[in-house]
Amino acid sequence: MAVQKSRRTPATRGARRAHDKLKNPALSVDPTSGETHLRHRVTPDGFYRGHQVVAQPESIEDEE
């Protein structure tokens, strides 16, 4: 079993943890719909890079 030879200093521990922070998500604005979305993802409206790639389903109205 591996046993450390000496204790890690707080500076070394902090240097290792320096890259563990959370980064902000990369956002993009679609040129057609103007909607903000995650990069390389389809917008909720179904647009990707200015083109409609996913058709929105027709809303079913209740017949009374």
C-alpha atoms as a PDB file:
ATOM      1  CA  MET A   1       0.000   0.000   0.000  1.00  0.00           C
ATOM      2  CA  ALA A   2       1.315   3.457  -0.876  1.00  0.00           C
ATOM      3  CA  VAL A   3       2.171   5.726   2.045  1.00  0.00           C
ATOM      4  CA  GLN A   4       3.129   9.360   1.551  1.00  0.00           C
ATOM      5  CA  LYS A   5       6.621  10.346   2.614  1.00  0.00           C
ATOM      6  CA  SER A   6       5.748  13.842   3.833  1.00  0.00           C
ATOM      7  CA  ARG A   7       2.700  16.000   4.325  1.00  0.00           C
ATOM      8  CA  ARG A   8       1.431  18.215   1.488  1.00  0.00           C
ATOM      9  CA  THR A   9       1.775  21.927   2.176  1.00  0.00           C
ATOM     10  CA  PRO A  10      -1.284  24.189   1.892  1.00  0.00           C
ATOM     11  CA  ALA A  11       0.344  25.990  -1.067  1.00  0.00           C
ATOM     12  CA  THR A  12       0.754  22.745  -3.018  1.00  0.00           C
ATOM     13  CA  ARG A  13      -2.792  21.721  -2.138  1.00  0.00           C
ATOM     14  CA  GLY A  14      -4.088  25.110  -3.320  1.00  0.00           C
ATOM     15  CA  ALA A  15      -2.127  24.905  -6.562  1.00  0.00           C
ATOM     16  CA  ARG A  16      -3.675  21.529  -7.328  1.00  0.00           C
ATOM     17  CA  ARG A  17      -7.179  22.846  -6.603  1.00  0.00           C
ATOM     18  CA  ALA A  18      -6.703  25.996  -8.700  1.00  0.00           C
ATOM     19  CA  HIS A  19      -8.243  24.349 -11.780  1.00  0.00           C
ATOM     20  CA  ASP A  20     -11.240  22.793  -9.999  1.00  0.00           C
ATOM     21  CA  LYS A  21     -13.444  25.891 -10.187  1.00  0.00           C
ATOM     22  CA  LEU A  22     -16.674  25.835 -12.196  1.00  0.00           C
ATOM     23  CA  LYS A  23     -16.628  27.666 -15.498  1.00  0.00           C
ATOM     24  CA  ASN A  24     -19.478  29.667 -17.002  1.00  0.00           C
ATOM     25  CA  PRO A  25     -21.305  27.861 -19.812  1.00  0.00           C
ATOM     26  CA  ALA A  26     -20.473  29.012 -23.337  1.00  0.00           C
ATOM     27  CA  LEU A  27     -23.580  30.721 -24.721  1.00  0.00           C
ATOM     28  CA  SER A  28     -24.450  31.694 -28.272  1.00  0.00           C
ATOM     29  CA  VAL A  29     -27.176  33.764 -29.921  1.00  0.00           C
ATOM     30  CA  ASP A  30     -28.995  32.226 -32.886  1.00  0.00           C
ATOM     31  CA  PRO A  31     -28.917  34.620 -35.864  1.00  0.00           C
ATOM     32  CA  THR A  32     -32.454  33.764 -37.040  1.00  0.00           C
ATOM     33  CA  SER A  33     -34.496  33.547 -33.859  1.00  0.00           C
ATOM     34  CA  GLY A  34     -32.210  35.683 -31.671  1.00  0.00           C
ATOM     35  CA  GLU A  35     -32.496  33.136 -28.885  1.00  0.00           C
ATOM     36  CA  THR A  36     -29.652  32.449 -26.454  1.00  0.00           C
ATOM     37  CA  HIS A  37     -28.604  28.795 -26.256  1.00  0.00           C
ATOM     38  CA  LEU A  38     -25.672  26.566 -25.347  1.00  0.00           C
ATOM     39  CA  ARG A  39     -22.961  26.288 -28.001  1.00  0.00           C
ATOM     40  CA  HIS A  40     -23.303  23.365 -30.451  1.00  0.00           C
ATOM     41  CA  ARG A  41     -26.868  22.676 -29.289  1.00  0.00           C
ATOM     42  CA  VAL A  42     -30.226  23.197 -30.985  1.00  0.00           C
ATOM     43  CA  THR A  43     -32.322  26.063 -29.607  1.00  0.00           C
ATOM     44  CA  PRO A  44     -35.674  25.234 -27.971  1.00  0.00           C
ATOM     45  CA  ASP A  45     -37.345  26.566 -31.145  1.00  0.00           C
ATOM     46  CA  GLY A  46     -35.489  23.976 -33.269  1.00  0.00           C
ATOM     47  CA  PHE A  47     -32.943  26.274 -34.945  1.00  0.00           C
ATOM     48  CA  TYR A  48     -29.244  25.479 -35.363  1.00  0.00           C
ATOM     49  CA  ARG A  49     -26.836  27.942 -37.010  1.00  0.00           C
ATOM     50  CA  GLY A  50     -29.713  29.893 -38.550  1.00  0.00           C
ATOM     51  CA  HIS A  51     -31.554  26.926 -40.053  1.00  0.00           C
ATOM     52  CA  GLN A  52     -34.692  25.125 -38.853  1.00  0.00           C
ATOM     53  CA  VAL A  53     -33.528  21.556 -38.129  1.00  0.00           C
ATOM     54  CA  VAL A  54     -36.297  20.298 -35.834  1.00  0.00           C
ATOM     55  CA  ALA A  55     -39.939  20.866 -36.667  1.00  0.00           C
ATOM     56  CA  GLN A  56     -42.109  21.924 -33.749  1.00  0.00           C
ATOM     57  CA  PRO A  57     -45.076  19.599 -33.099  1.00  0.00           C
ATOM     58  CA  GLU A  58     -48.503  21.040 -33.772  1.00  0.00           C
ATOM     59  CA  SER A  59     -50.411  21.822 -30.601  1.00  0.00           C
ATOM     60  CA  ILE A  60     -53.413  19.523 -30.200  1.00  0.00           C
ATOM     61  CA  GLU A  61     -56.516  21.471 -29.242  1.00  0.00           C
ATOM     62  CA  ASP A  62     -59.261  19.803 -27.232  1.00  0.00           C
ATOM     63  CA  GLU A  63     -62.468  19.366 -29.155  1.00  0.00           C
ATOM     64  CA  GLU A  64     -65.458  20.117 -26.974  1.00  0.00           C
END
